[in-house]
Amino acid sequence: MGGQGEKANGRLDLPNDVDTLGAMKMPVKLPPNRKLCGTAEAADIYGCSQRHVRLMADRGEIWSQKVSSRSMLVDAEEIQQLASERDGLRRQGKLCGRRPGDRKSA
């Protein structure tokens, strides 16, 4: 035994350079230069579903870090930049979809 991140007396001993996420007590290497958010917040920023955010991450369109089998962190600033670029293209009529600020008619 004695390796990094091994359990001793029911406790996970983590190296100093590894972060833990809240009460999850799992080792995660988080980059210090990124503002991170979950897929739900990213979906709100981008105006899409969480599934679409995960697909964008799987395709490598955005930076992501898988935290567990069911959770992922993404770069919030990247999502915001992509949303701004997409909205600009929609304003110019170069991309399908409602223009920013247009309301859905009832």
PDB file of N, CA and C in Angstrom:
ATOM      1  N   MET A   1       0.837  -1.190   0.000  1.00  0.00           N
ATOM      2  CA  MET A   1       0.000   0.000   0.000  1.00  0.00           C
ATOM      3  C   MET A   1       0.874   1.243   0.000  1.00  0.00           C
ATOM      4  N   GLY A   2       0.374   2.334   0.583  1.00  0.00           N
ATOM      5  CA  GLY A   2       1.199   3.521   0.690  1.00  0.00           C
ATOM      6  C   GLY A   2       1.194   4.401  -0.542  1.00  0.00           C
ATOM      7  N   GLY A   3       0.399   4.073  -1.565  1.00  0.00           N
ATOM      8  CA  GLY A   3       0.334   4.902  -2.762  1.00  0.00           C
ATOM      9  C   GLY A   3      -0.555   6.108  -2.555  1.00  0.00           C
ATOM     10  N   GLN A   4      -0.613   6.962  -3.551  1.00  0.00           N
ATOM     11  CA  GLN A   4      -1.438   8.158  -3.466  1.00  0.00           C
ATOM     12  C   GLN A   4      -2.913   7.795  -3.502  1.00  0.00           C
ATOM     13  N   GLY A   5      -3.709   8.471  -2.660  1.00  0.00           N
ATOM     14  CA  GLY A   5      -5.139   8.333  -2.702  1.00  0.00           C
ATOM     15  C   GLY A   5      -5.668   7.010  -2.171  1.00  0.00           C
ATOM     16  N   GLU A   6      -4.895   6.327  -1.369  1.00  0.00           N
ATOM     17  CA  GLU A   6      -5.354   5.046  -0.841  1.00  0.00           C
ATOM     18  C   GLU A   6      -6.120   5.257   0.452  1.00  0.00           C
ATOM     19  N   LYS A   7      -7.003   4.311   0.759  1.00  0.00           N
ATOM     20  CA  LYS A   7      -7.786   4.400   1.981  1.00  0.00           C
ATOM     21  C   LYS A   7      -6.976   3.877   3.155  1.00  0.00           C
ATOM     22  N   ALA A   8      -6.994   4.629   4.238  1.00  0.00           N
ATOM     23  CA  ALA A   8      -6.344   4.220   5.479  1.00  0.00           C
ATOM     24  C   ALA A   8      -7.333   4.488   6.604  1.00  0.00           C
ATOM     25  N   ASN A   9      -7.691   3.450   7.319  1.00  0.00           N
ATOM     26  CA  ASN A   9      -8.655   3.565   8.406  1.00  0.00           C
ATOM     27  C   ASN A   9      -9.987   4.150   7.923  1.00  0.00           C
ATOM     28  N   GLY A  10     -10.446   3.747   6.734  1.00  0.00           N
ATOM     29  CA  GLY A  10     -11.720   4.217   6.206  1.00  0.00           C
ATOM     30  C   GLY A  10     -11.700   5.633   5.675  1.00  0.00           C
ATOM     31  N   ARG A  11     -10.537   6.227   5.560  1.00  0.00           N
ATOM     32  CA  ARG A  11     -10.397   7.606   5.127  1.00  0.00           C
ATOM     33  C   ARG A  11      -9.546   7.656   3.866  1.00  0.00           C
ATOM     34  N   LEU A  12      -9.894   8.518   2.939  1.00  0.00           N
ATOM     35  CA  LEU A  12      -9.139   8.645   1.702  1.00  0.00           C
ATOM     36  C   LEU A  12      -8.044   9.682   1.906  1.00  0.00           C
ATOM     37  N   ASP A  13      -6.794   9.256   1.848  1.00  0.00           N
ATOM     38  CA  ASP A  13      -5.662  10.179   1.968  1.00  0.00           C
ATOM     39  C   ASP A  13      -5.334  10.722   0.588  1.00  0.00           C
ATOM     40  N   LEU A  14      -5.463  12.030   0.440  1.00  0.00           N
ATOM     41  CA  LEU A  14      -5.260  12.665  -0.857  1.00  0.00           C
ATOM     42  C   LEU A  14      -3.972  13.463  -0.881  1.00  0.00           C
ATOM     43  N   PRO A  15      -3.308  13.483  -2.024  1.00  0.00           N
ATOM     44  CA  PRO A  15      -2.139  14.350  -2.168  1.00  0.00           C
ATOM     45  C   PRO A  15      -2.568  15.807  -2.032  1.00  0.00           C
ATOM     46  N   ASN A  16      -1.647  16.694  -1.727  1.00  0.00           N
ATOM     47  CA  ASN A  16      -1.962  18.104  -1.523  1.00  0.00           C
ATOM     48  C   ASN A  16      -2.450  18.816  -2.769  1.00  0.00           C
ATOM     49  N   ASP A  17      -2.051  18.359  -3.954  1.00  0.00           N
ATOM     50  CA  ASP A  17      -2.415  19.067  -5.178  1.00  0.00           C
ATOM     51  C   ASP A  17      -3.726  18.571  -5.788  1.00  0.00           C
ATOM     52  N   VAL A  18      -4.501  17.802  -5.046  1.00  0.00           N
ATOM     53  CA  VAL A  18      -5.761  17.269  -5.555  1.00  0.00           C
ATOM     54  C   VAL A  18      -6.910  17.898  -4.784  1.00  0.00           C
ATOM     55  N   ASP A  19      -7.919  18.391  -5.525  1.00  0.00           N
ATOM     56  CA  ASP A  19      -9.091  18.993  -4.907  1.00  0.00           C
ATOM     57  C   ASP A  19     -10.152  17.933  -4.644  1.00  0.00           C
ATOM     58  N   THR A  20     -11.066  18.249  -3.762  1.00  0.00           N
ATOM     59  CA  THR A  20     -12.251  17.410  -3.583  1.00  0.00           C
ATOM     60  C   THR A  20     -13.453  18.285  -3.866  1.00  0.00           C
ATOM     61  N   LEU A  21     -14.506  17.683  -4.362  1.00  0.00           N
ATOM     62  CA  LEU A  21     -15.709  18.429  -4.687  1.00  0.00           C
ATOM     63  C   LEU A  21     -16.735  18.242  -3.586  1.00  0.00           C
ATOM     64  N   GLY A  22     -16.939  19.274  -2.784  1.00  0.00           N
ATOM     65  CA  GLY A  22     -17.955  19.239  -1.748  1.00  0.00           C
ATOM     66  C   GLY A  22     -17.845  18.015  -0.872  1.00  0.00           C
ATOM     67  N   ALA A  23     -18.965  17.370  -0.656  1.00  0.00           N
ATOM     68  CA  ALA A  23     -19.008  16.205   0.223  1.00  0.00           C
ATOM     69  C   ALA A  23     -18.682  14.919  -0.519  1.00  0.00           C
ATOM     70  N   MET A  24     -18.332  15.016  -1.793  1.00  0.00           N
ATOM     71  CA  MET A  24     -18.125  13.820  -2.600  1.00  0.00           C
ATOM     72  C   MET A  24     -16.847  13.080  -2.213  1.00  0.00           C
ATOM     73  N   LYS A  25     -15.885  13.759  -1.616  1.00  0.00           N
ATOM     74  CA  LYS A  25     -14.648  13.140  -1.160  1.00  0.00           C
ATOM     75  C   LYS A  25     -13.990  12.259  -2.210  1.00  0.00           C
ATOM     76  N   MET A  26     -13.934  12.771  -3.407  1.00  0.00           N
ATOM     77  CA  MET A  26     -13.241  12.025  -4.453  1.00  0.00           C
ATOM     78  C   MET A  26     -12.166  12.914  -5.044  1.00  0.00           C
ATOM     79  N   PRO A  27     -11.014  12.351  -5.351  1.00  0.00           N
ATOM     80  CA  PRO A  27      -9.915  13.164  -5.876  1.00  0.00           C
ATOM     81  C   PRO A  27     -10.209  13.620  -7.306  1.00  0.00           C
ATOM     82  N   VAL A  28     -10.098  14.910  -7.522  1.00  0.00           N
ATOM     83  CA  VAL A  28     -10.312  15.482  -8.839  1.00  0.00           C
ATOM     84  C   VAL A  28      -9.241  16.528  -9.064  1.00  0.00           C
ATOM     85  N   LYS A  29      -8.545  16.444 -10.185  1.00  0.00           N
ATOM     86  CA  LYS A  29      -7.566  17.474 -10.525  1.00  0.00           C
ATOM     87  C   LYS A  29      -8.295  18.558 -11.295  1.00  0.00           C
ATOM     88  N   LEU A  30      -8.495  19.708 -10.667  1.00  0.00           N
ATOM     89  CA  LEU A  30      -9.201  20.817 -11.298  1.00  0.00           C
ATOM     90  C   LEU A  30      -8.182  21.851 -11.765  1.00  0.00           C
ATOM     91  N   PRO A  31      -8.301  22.305 -13.011  1.00  0.00           N
ATOM     92  CA  PRO A  31      -7.367  23.319 -13.499  1.00  0.00           C
ATOM     93  C   PRO A  31      -7.637  24.657 -12.818  1.00  0.00           C
ATOM     94  N   PRO A  32      -6.607  25.353 -12.396  1.00  0.00           N
ATOM     95  CA  PRO A  32      -6.795  26.600 -11.658  1.00  0.00           C
ATOM     96  C   PRO A  32      -7.231  27.778 -12.529  1.00  0.00           C
ATOM     97  N   ASN A  33      -7.064  27.682 -13.830  1.00  0.00           N
ATOM     98  CA  ASN A  33      -7.319  28.816 -14.714  1.00  0.00           C
ATOM     99  C   ASN A  33      -8.674  28.761 -15.403  1.00  0.00           C
ATOM    100  N   ARG A  34      -9.606  27.951 -14.936  1.00  0.00           N
ATOM    101  CA  ARG A  34     -10.911  27.826 -15.574  1.00  0.00           C
ATOM    102  C   ARG A  34     -12.020  28.078 -14.565  1.00  0.00           C
ATOM    103  N   LYS A  35     -13.074  28.753 -15.049  1.00  0.00           N
ATOM    104  CA  LYS A  35     -14.285  28.903 -14.257  1.00  0.00           C
ATOM    105  C   LYS A  35     -15.178  27.734 -14.643  1.00  0.00           C
ATOM    106  N   LEU A  36     -15.485  26.871 -13.705  1.00  0.00           N
ATOM    107  CA  LEU A  36     -16.188  25.637 -14.008  1.00  0.00           C
ATOM    108  C   LEU A  36     -17.653  25.704 -13.594  1.00  0.00           C
ATOM    109  N   CYS A  37     -18.476  24.944 -14.310  1.00  0.00           N
ATOM    110  CA  CYS A  37     -19.877  24.810 -13.954  1.00  0.00           C
ATOM    111  C   CYS A  37     -20.342  23.420 -14.364  1.00  0.00           C
ATOM    112  N   GLY A  38     -21.471  23.006 -13.836  1.00  0.00           N
ATOM    113  CA  GLY A  38     -22.048  21.721 -14.196  1.00  0.00           C
ATOM    114  C   GLY A  38     -22.808  21.814 -15.507  1.00  0.00           C
ATOM    115  N   THR A  39     -23.278  20.687 -15.979  1.00  0.00           N
ATOM    116  CA  THR A  39     -23.986  20.661 -17.256  1.00  0.00           C
ATOM    117  C   THR A  39     -25.319  21.398 -17.189  1.00  0.00           C
ATOM    118  N   ALA A  40     -25.974  21.416 -16.034  1.00  0.00           N
ATOM    119  CA  ALA A  40     -27.257  22.126 -15.915  1.00  0.00           C
ATOM    120  C   ALA A  40     -27.053  23.632 -16.096  1.00  0.00           C
ATOM    121  N   GLU A  41     -26.042  24.184 -15.430  1.00  0.00           N
ATOM    122  CA  GLU A  41     -25.764  25.618 -15.561  1.00  0.00           C
ATOM    123  C   GLU A  41     -25.289  25.946 -16.976  1.00  0.00           C
ATOM    124  N   ALA A  42     -24.462  25.084 -17.542  1.00  0.00           N
ATOM    125  CA  ALA A  42     -23.986  25.307 -18.916  1.00  0.00           C
ATOM    126  C   ALA A  42     -25.153  25.283 -19.903  1.00  0.00           C
ATOM    127  N   ALA A  43     -26.101  24.389 -19.693  1.00  0.00           N
ATOM    128  CA  ALA A  43     -27.272  24.316 -20.564  1.00  0.00           C
ATOM    129  C   ALA A  43     -28.097  25.597 -20.474  1.00  0.00           C
ATOM    130  N   ASP A  44     -28.210  26.174 -19.269  1.00  0.00           N
ATOM    131  CA  ASP A  44     -28.921  27.450 -19.112  1.00  0.00           C
ATOM    132  C   ASP A  44     -28.197  28.579 -19.836  1.00  0.00           C
ATOM    133  N   ILE A  45     -26.886  28.607 -19.721  1.00  0.00           N
ATOM    134  CA  ILE A  45     -26.089  29.651 -20.383  1.00  0.00           C
ATOM    135  C   ILE A  45     -26.234  29.546 -21.902  1.00  0.00           C
ATOM    136  N   TYR A  46     -26.113  28.340 -22.416  1.00  0.00           N
ATOM    137  CA  TYR A  46     -26.107  28.131 -23.868  1.00  0.00           C
ATOM    138  C   TYR A  46     -27.516  28.101 -24.456  1.00  0.00           C
ATOM    139  N   GLY A  47     -28.507  27.799 -23.626  1.00  0.00           N
ATOM    140  CA  GLY A  47     -29.879  27.730 -24.117  1.00  0.00           C
ATOM    141  C   GLY A  47     -30.177  26.409 -24.803  1.00  0.00           C
ATOM    142  N   CYS A  48     -29.724  25.328 -24.207  1.00  0.00           N
ATOM    143  CA  CYS A  48     -29.929  24.002 -24.779  1.00  0.00           C
ATOM    144  C   CYS A  48     -30.154  23.007 -23.648  1.00  0.00           C
ATOM    145  N   SER A  49     -30.183  21.738 -23.976  1.00  0.00           N
ATOM    146  CA  SER A  49     -30.364  20.703 -22.964  1.00  0.00           C
ATOM    147  C   SER A  49     -29.013  20.276 -22.378  1.00  0.00           C
ATOM    148  N   GLN A  50     -29.076  19.625 -21.225  1.00  0.00           N
ATOM    149  CA  GLN A  50     -27.855  19.092 -20.627  1.00  0.00           C
ATOM    150  C   GLN A  50     -27.240  18.034 -21.543  1.00  0.00           C
ATOM    151  N   ARG A  51     -28.087  17.274 -22.204  1.00  0.00           N
ATOM    152  CA  ARG A  51     -27.606  16.243 -23.132  1.00  0.00           C
ATOM    153  C   ARG A  51     -26.771  16.871 -24.241  1.00  0.00           C
ATOM    154  N   HIS A  52     -27.226  18.021 -24.760  1.00  0.00           N
ATOM    155  CA  HIS A  52     -26.477  18.691 -25.824  1.00  0.00           C
ATOM    156  C   HIS A  52     -25.113  19.151 -25.312  1.00  0.00           C
ATOM    157  N   VAL A  53     -25.078  19.650 -24.078  1.00  0.00           N
ATOM    158  CA  VAL A  53     -23.797  20.065 -23.475  1.00  0.00           C
ATOM    159  C   VAL A  53     -22.855  18.873 -23.380  1.00  0.00           C
ATOM    160  N   ARG A  54     -23.379  17.719 -22.924  1.00  0.00           N
ATOM    161  CA  ARG A  54     -22.541  16.522 -22.822  1.00  0.00           C
ATOM    162  C   ARG A  54     -22.051  16.065 -24.198  1.00  0.00           C
ATOM    163  N   LEU A  55     -22.904  16.179 -25.215  1.00  0.00           N
ATOM    164  CA  LEU A  55     -22.483  15.823 -26.575  1.00  0.00           C
ATOM    165  C   LEU A  55     -21.385  16.749 -27.077  1.00  0.00           C
ATOM    166  N   MET A  56     -21.511  18.055 -26.792  1.00  0.00           N
ATOM    167  CA  MET A  56     -20.474  19.007 -27.180  1.00  0.00           C
ATOM    168  C   MET A  56     -19.149  18.647 -26.521  1.00  0.00           C
ATOM    169  N   ALA A  57     -19.212  18.239 -25.255  1.00  0.00           N
ATOM    170  CA  ALA A  57     -17.997  17.838 -24.533  1.00  0.00           C
ATOM    171  C   ALA A  57     -17.425  16.554 -25.119  1.00  0.00           C
ATOM    172  N   ASP A  58     -18.282  15.590 -25.411  1.00  0.00           N
ATOM    173  CA  ASP A  58     -17.822  14.317 -25.992  1.00  0.00           C
ATOM    174  C   ASP A  58     -17.160  14.521 -27.350  1.00  0.00           C
ATOM    175  N   ARG A  59     -17.659  15.490 -28.121  1.00  0.00           N
ATOM    176  CA  ARG A  59     -17.084  15.776 -29.444  1.00  0.00           C
ATOM    177  C   ARG A  59     -15.838  16.653 -29.357  1.00  0.00           C
ATOM    178  N   GLY A  60     -15.526  17.133 -28.162  1.00  0.00           N
ATOM    179  CA  GLY A  60     -14.336  17.960 -27.986  1.00  0.00           C
ATOM    180  C   GLY A  60     -14.550  19.426 -28.328  1.00  0.00           C
ATOM    181  N   GLU A  61     -15.787  19.859 -28.451  1.00  0.00           N
ATOM    182  CA  GLU A  61     -16.077  21.254 -28.777  1.00  0.00           C
ATOM    183  C   GLU A  61     -15.842  22.165 -27.584  1.00  0.00           C
ATOM    184  N   ILE A  62     -15.970  21.619 -26.375  1.00  0.00           N
ATOM    185  CA  ILE A  62     -15.734  22.383 -25.159  1.00  0.00           C
ATOM    186  C   ILE A  62     -14.877  21.546 -24.217  1.00  0.00           C
ATOM    187  N   TRP A  63     -14.150  22.223 -23.335  1.00  0.00           N
ATOM    188  CA  TRP A  63     -13.353  21.530 -22.343  1.00  0.00           C
ATOM    189  C   TRP A  63     -14.297  20.930 -21.315  1.00  0.00           C
ATOM    190  N   SER A  64     -13.994  19.733 -20.859  1.00  0.00           N
ATOM    191  CA  SER A  64     -14.807  19.116 -19.813  1.00  0.00           C
ATOM    192  C   SER A  64     -13.928  18.228 -18.941  1.00  0.00           C
ATOM    193  N   GLN A  65     -14.424  17.975 -17.742  1.00  0.00           N
ATOM    194  CA  GLN A  65     -13.769  17.074 -16.800  1.00  0.00           C
ATOM    195  C   GLN A  65     -14.851  16.194 -16.212  1.00  0.00           C
ATOM    196  N   LYS A  66     -14.747  14.906 -16.464  1.00  0.00           N
ATOM    197  CA  LYS A  66     -15.702  13.971 -15.893  1.00  0.00           C
ATOM    198  C   LYS A  66     -15.369  13.809 -14.418  1.00  0.00           C
ATOM    199  N   VAL A  67     -16.345  14.007 -13.561  1.00  0.00           N
ATOM    200  CA  VAL A  67     -16.145  13.955 -12.127  1.00  0.00           C
ATOM    201  C   VAL A  67     -16.557  12.593 -11.585  1.00  0.00           C
ATOM    202  N   SER A  68     -17.590  12.045 -12.151  1.00  0.00           N
ATOM    203  CA  SER A  68     -18.049  10.706 -11.787  1.00  0.00           C
ATOM    204  C   SER A  68     -18.761  10.125 -13.003  1.00  0.00           C
ATOM    205  N   SER A  69     -19.341   8.958 -12.839  1.00  0.00           N
ATOM    206  CA  SER A  69     -20.031   8.345 -13.977  1.00  0.00           C
ATOM    207  C   SER A  69     -21.254   9.146 -14.382  1.00  0.00           C
ATOM    208  N   ARG A  70     -21.772   9.998 -13.495  1.00  0.00           N
ATOM    209  CA  ARG A  70     -22.986  10.745 -13.785  1.00  0.00           C
ATOM    210  C   ARG A  70     -22.804  12.247 -13.754  1.00  0.00           C
ATOM    211  N   SER A  71     -21.603  12.731 -13.548  1.00  0.00           N
ATOM    212  CA  SER A  71     -21.444  14.171 -13.454  1.00  0.00           C
ATOM    213  C   SER A  71     -20.204  14.657 -14.183  1.00  0.00           C
ATOM    214  N   MET A  72     -20.321  15.856 -14.730  1.00  0.00           N
ATOM    215  CA  MET A  72     -19.266  16.423 -15.553  1.00  0.00           C
ATOM    216  C   MET A  72     -19.198  17.927 -15.285  1.00  0.00           C
ATOM    217  N   LEU A  73     -17.997  18.461 -15.297  1.00  0.00           N
ATOM    218  CA  LEU A  73     -17.795  19.901 -15.205  1.00  0.00           C
ATOM    219  C   LEU A  73     -17.331  20.401 -16.561  1.00  0.00           C
ATOM    220  N   VAL A  74     -17.778  21.592 -16.919  1.00  0.00           N
ATOM    221  CA  VAL A  74     -17.366  22.200 -18.178  1.00  0.00           C
ATOM    222  C   VAL A  74     -16.884  23.616 -17.902  1.00  0.00           C
ATOM    223  N   ASP A  75     -16.216  24.200 -18.880  1.00  0.00           N
ATOM    224  CA  ASP A  75     -15.689  25.553 -18.766  1.00  0.00           C
ATOM    225  C   ASP A  75     -16.816  26.548 -19.047  1.00  0.00           C
ATOM    226  N   ALA A  76     -17.236  27.292 -18.032  1.00  0.00           N
ATOM    227  CA  ALA A  76     -18.353  28.227 -18.152  1.00  0.00           C
ATOM    228  C   ALA A  76     -18.040  29.360 -19.132  1.00  0.00           C
ATOM    229  N   GLU A  77     -16.797  29.820 -19.152  1.00  0.00           N
ATOM    230  CA  GLU A  77     -16.436  30.920 -20.053  1.00  0.00           C
ATOM    231  C   GLU A  77     -16.467  30.477 -21.514  1.00  0.00           C
ATOM    232  N   GLU A  78     -16.064  29.241 -21.775  1.00  0.00           N
ATOM    233  CA  GLU A  78     -16.150  28.702 -23.136  1.00  0.00           C
ATOM    234  C   GLU A  78     -17.595  28.632 -23.608  1.00  0.00           C
ATOM    235  N   ILE A  79     -18.470  28.147 -22.731  1.00  0.00           N
ATOM    236  CA  ILE A  79     -19.895  28.050 -23.062  1.00  0.00           C
ATOM    237  C   ILE A  79     -20.451  29.437 -23.355  1.00  0.00           C
ATOM    238  N   GLN A  80     -20.111  30.419 -22.516  1.00  0.00           N
ATOM    239  CA  GLN A  80     -20.596  31.786 -22.718  1.00  0.00           C
ATOM    240  C   GLN A  80     -20.101  32.351 -24.038  1.00  0.00           C
ATOM    241  N   GLN A  81     -18.836  32.092 -24.378  1.00  0.00           N
ATOM    242  CA  GLN A  81     -18.280  32.586 -25.637  1.00  0.00           C
ATOM    243  C   GLN A  81     -18.985  31.939 -26.833  1.00  0.00           C
ATOM    244  N   LEU A  82     -19.202  30.635 -26.778  1.00  0.00           N
ATOM    245  CA  LEU A  82     -19.909  29.950 -27.865  1.00  0.00           C
ATOM    246  C   LEU A  82     -21.333  30.468 -28.017  1.00  0.00           C
ATOM    247  N   ALA A  83     -21.998  30.728 -26.886  1.00  0.00           N
ATOM    248  CA  ALA A  83     -23.364  31.260 -26.932  1.00  0.00           C
ATOM    249  C   ALA A  83     -23.376  32.646 -27.574  1.00  0.00           C
ATOM    250  N   SER A  84     -22.393  33.478 -27.239  1.00  0.00           N
ATOM    251  CA  SER A  84     -22.311  34.829 -27.818  1.00  0.00           C
ATOM    252  C   SER A  84     -22.051  34.764 -29.327  1.00  0.00           C
ATOM    253  N   GLU A  85     -21.144  33.869 -29.740  1.00  0.00           N
ATOM    254  CA  GLU A  85     -20.861  33.715 -31.170  1.00  0.00           C
ATOM    255  C   GLU A  85     -22.098  33.234 -31.929  1.00  0.00           C
ATOM    256  N   ARG A  86     -22.796  32.252 -31.343  1.00  0.00           N
ATOM    257  CA  ARG A  86     -24.004  31.722 -31.977  1.00  0.00           C
ATOM    258  C   ARG A  86     -25.073  32.806 -32.089  1.00  0.00           C
ATOM    259  N   ASP A  87     -25.256  33.592 -31.030  1.00  0.00           N
ATOM    260  CA  ASP A  87     -26.255  34.656 -31.055  1.00  0.00           C
ATOM    261  C   ASP A  87     -25.905  35.716 -32.092  1.00  0.00           C
ATOM    262  N   GLY A  88     -24.624  36.022 -32.243  1.00  0.00           N
ATOM    263  CA  GLY A  88     -24.189  36.982 -33.265  1.00  0.00           C
ATOM    264  C   GLY A  88     -24.509  36.493 -34.671  1.00  0.00           C
ATOM    265  N   LEU A  89     -24.261  35.218 -34.928  1.00  0.00           N
ATOM    266  CA  LEU A  89     -24.585  34.647 -36.236  1.00  0.00           C
ATOM    267  C   LEU A  89     -26.090  34.648 -36.487  1.00  0.00           C
ATOM    268  N   ARG A  90     -26.870  34.414 -35.444  1.00  0.00           N
ATOM    269  CA  ARG A  90     -28.332  34.450 -35.607  1.00  0.00           C
ATOM    270  C   ARG A  90     -28.815  35.862 -35.877  1.00  0.00           C
ATOM    271  N   ARG A  91     -28.233  36.851 -35.212  1.00  0.00           N
ATOM    272  CA  ARG A  91     -28.604  38.249 -35.469  1.00  0.00           C
ATOM    273  C   ARG A  91     -28.342  38.623 -36.919  1.00  0.00           C
ATOM    274  N   GLN A  92     -27.244  38.110 -37.478  1.00  0.00           N
ATOM    275  CA  GLN A  92     -26.883  38.411 -38.862  1.00  0.00           C
ATOM    276  C   GLN A  92     -27.678  37.589 -39.865  1.00  0.00           C
ATOM    277  N   GLY A  93     -28.452  36.638 -39.404  1.00  0.00           N
ATOM    278  CA  GLY A  93     -29.222  35.775 -40.282  1.00  0.00           C
ATOM    279  C   GLY A  93     -28.398  34.670 -40.924  1.00  0.00           C
ATOM    280  N   LYS A  94     -27.217  34.392 -40.377  1.00  0.00           N
ATOM    281  CA  LYS A  94     -26.340  33.375 -40.949  1.00  0.00           C
ATOM    282  C   LYS A  94     -26.517  32.014 -40.290  1.00  0.00           C
ATOM    283  N   LEU A  95     -27.396  31.948 -39.296  1.00  0.00           N
ATOM    284  CA  LEU A  95     -27.620  30.696 -38.580  1.00  0.00           C
ATOM    285  C   LEU A  95     -29.107  30.571 -38.293  1.00  0.00           C
ATOM    286  N   CYS A  96     -29.643  29.400 -38.518  1.00  0.00           N
ATOM    287  CA  CYS A  96     -31.066  29.150 -38.260  1.00  0.00           C
ATOM    288  C   CYS A  96     -31.369  29.279 -36.781  1.00  0.00           C
ATOM    289  N   GLY A  97     -32.612  29.557 -36.476  1.00  0.00           N
ATOM    290  CA  GLY A  97     -33.055  29.655 -35.090  1.00  0.00           C
ATOM    291  C   GLY A  97     -33.550  31.047 -34.790  1.00  0.00           C
ATOM    292  N   ARG A  98     -34.210  31.168 -33.639  1.00  0.00           N
ATOM    293  CA  ARG A  98     -34.731  32.481 -33.245  1.00  0.00           C
ATOM    294  C   ARG A  98     -33.582  33.421 -32.928  1.00  0.00           C
ATOM    295  N   ARG A  99     -33.760  34.661 -33.283  1.00  0.00           N
ATOM    296  CA  ARG A  99     -32.752  35.666 -32.965  1.00  0.00           C
ATOM    297  C   ARG A  99     -32.807  35.974 -31.479  1.00  0.00           C
ATOM    298  N   PRO A 100     -31.696  36.361 -30.904  1.00  0.00           N
ATOM    299  CA  PRO A 100     -31.690  36.687 -29.472  1.00  0.00           C
ATOM    300  C   PRO A 100     -32.690  37.793 -29.176  1.00  0.00           C
ATOM    301  N   GLY A 101     -33.507  37.605 -28.149  1.00  0.00           N
ATOM    302  CA  GLY A 101     -34.500  38.608 -27.771  1.00  0.00           C
ATOM    303  C   GLY A 101     -35.853  38.375 -28.415  1.00  0.00           C
ATOM    304  N   ASP A 102     -35.926  37.571 -29.471  1.00  0.00           N
ATOM    305  CA  ASP A 102     -37.218  37.270 -30.076  1.00  0.00           C
ATOM    306  C   ASP A 102     -38.010  36.409 -29.120  1.00  0.00           C
ATOM    307  N   ARG A 103     -39.294  36.709 -29.039  1.00  0.00           N
ATOM    308  CA  ARG A 103     -40.135  35.908 -28.164  1.00  0.00           C
ATOM    309  C   ARG A 103     -40.892  34.881 -28.973  1.00  0.00           C
ATOM    310  N   LYS A 104     -41.086  33.749 -28.363  1.00  0.00           N
ATOM    311  CA  LYS A 104     -41.851  32.682 -29.004  1.00  0.00           C
ATOM    312  C   LYS A 104     -43.314  33.098 -29.021  1.00  0.00           C
ATOM    313  N   SER A 105     -43.923  33.057 -30.175  1.00  0.00           N
ATOM    314  CA  SER A 105     -45.331  33.466 -30.261  1.00  0.00           C
ATOM    315  C   SER A 105     -46.210  32.367 -29.681  1.00  0.00           C
ATOM    316  N   ALA A 106     -47.264  32.797 -28.989  1.00  0.00           N
ATOM    317  CA  ALA A 106     -48.161  31.828 -28.327  1.00  0.00           C
ATOM    318  C   ALA A 106     -49.220  31.318 -29.259  1.00  0.00           C
TER     319      ALA A 106
END
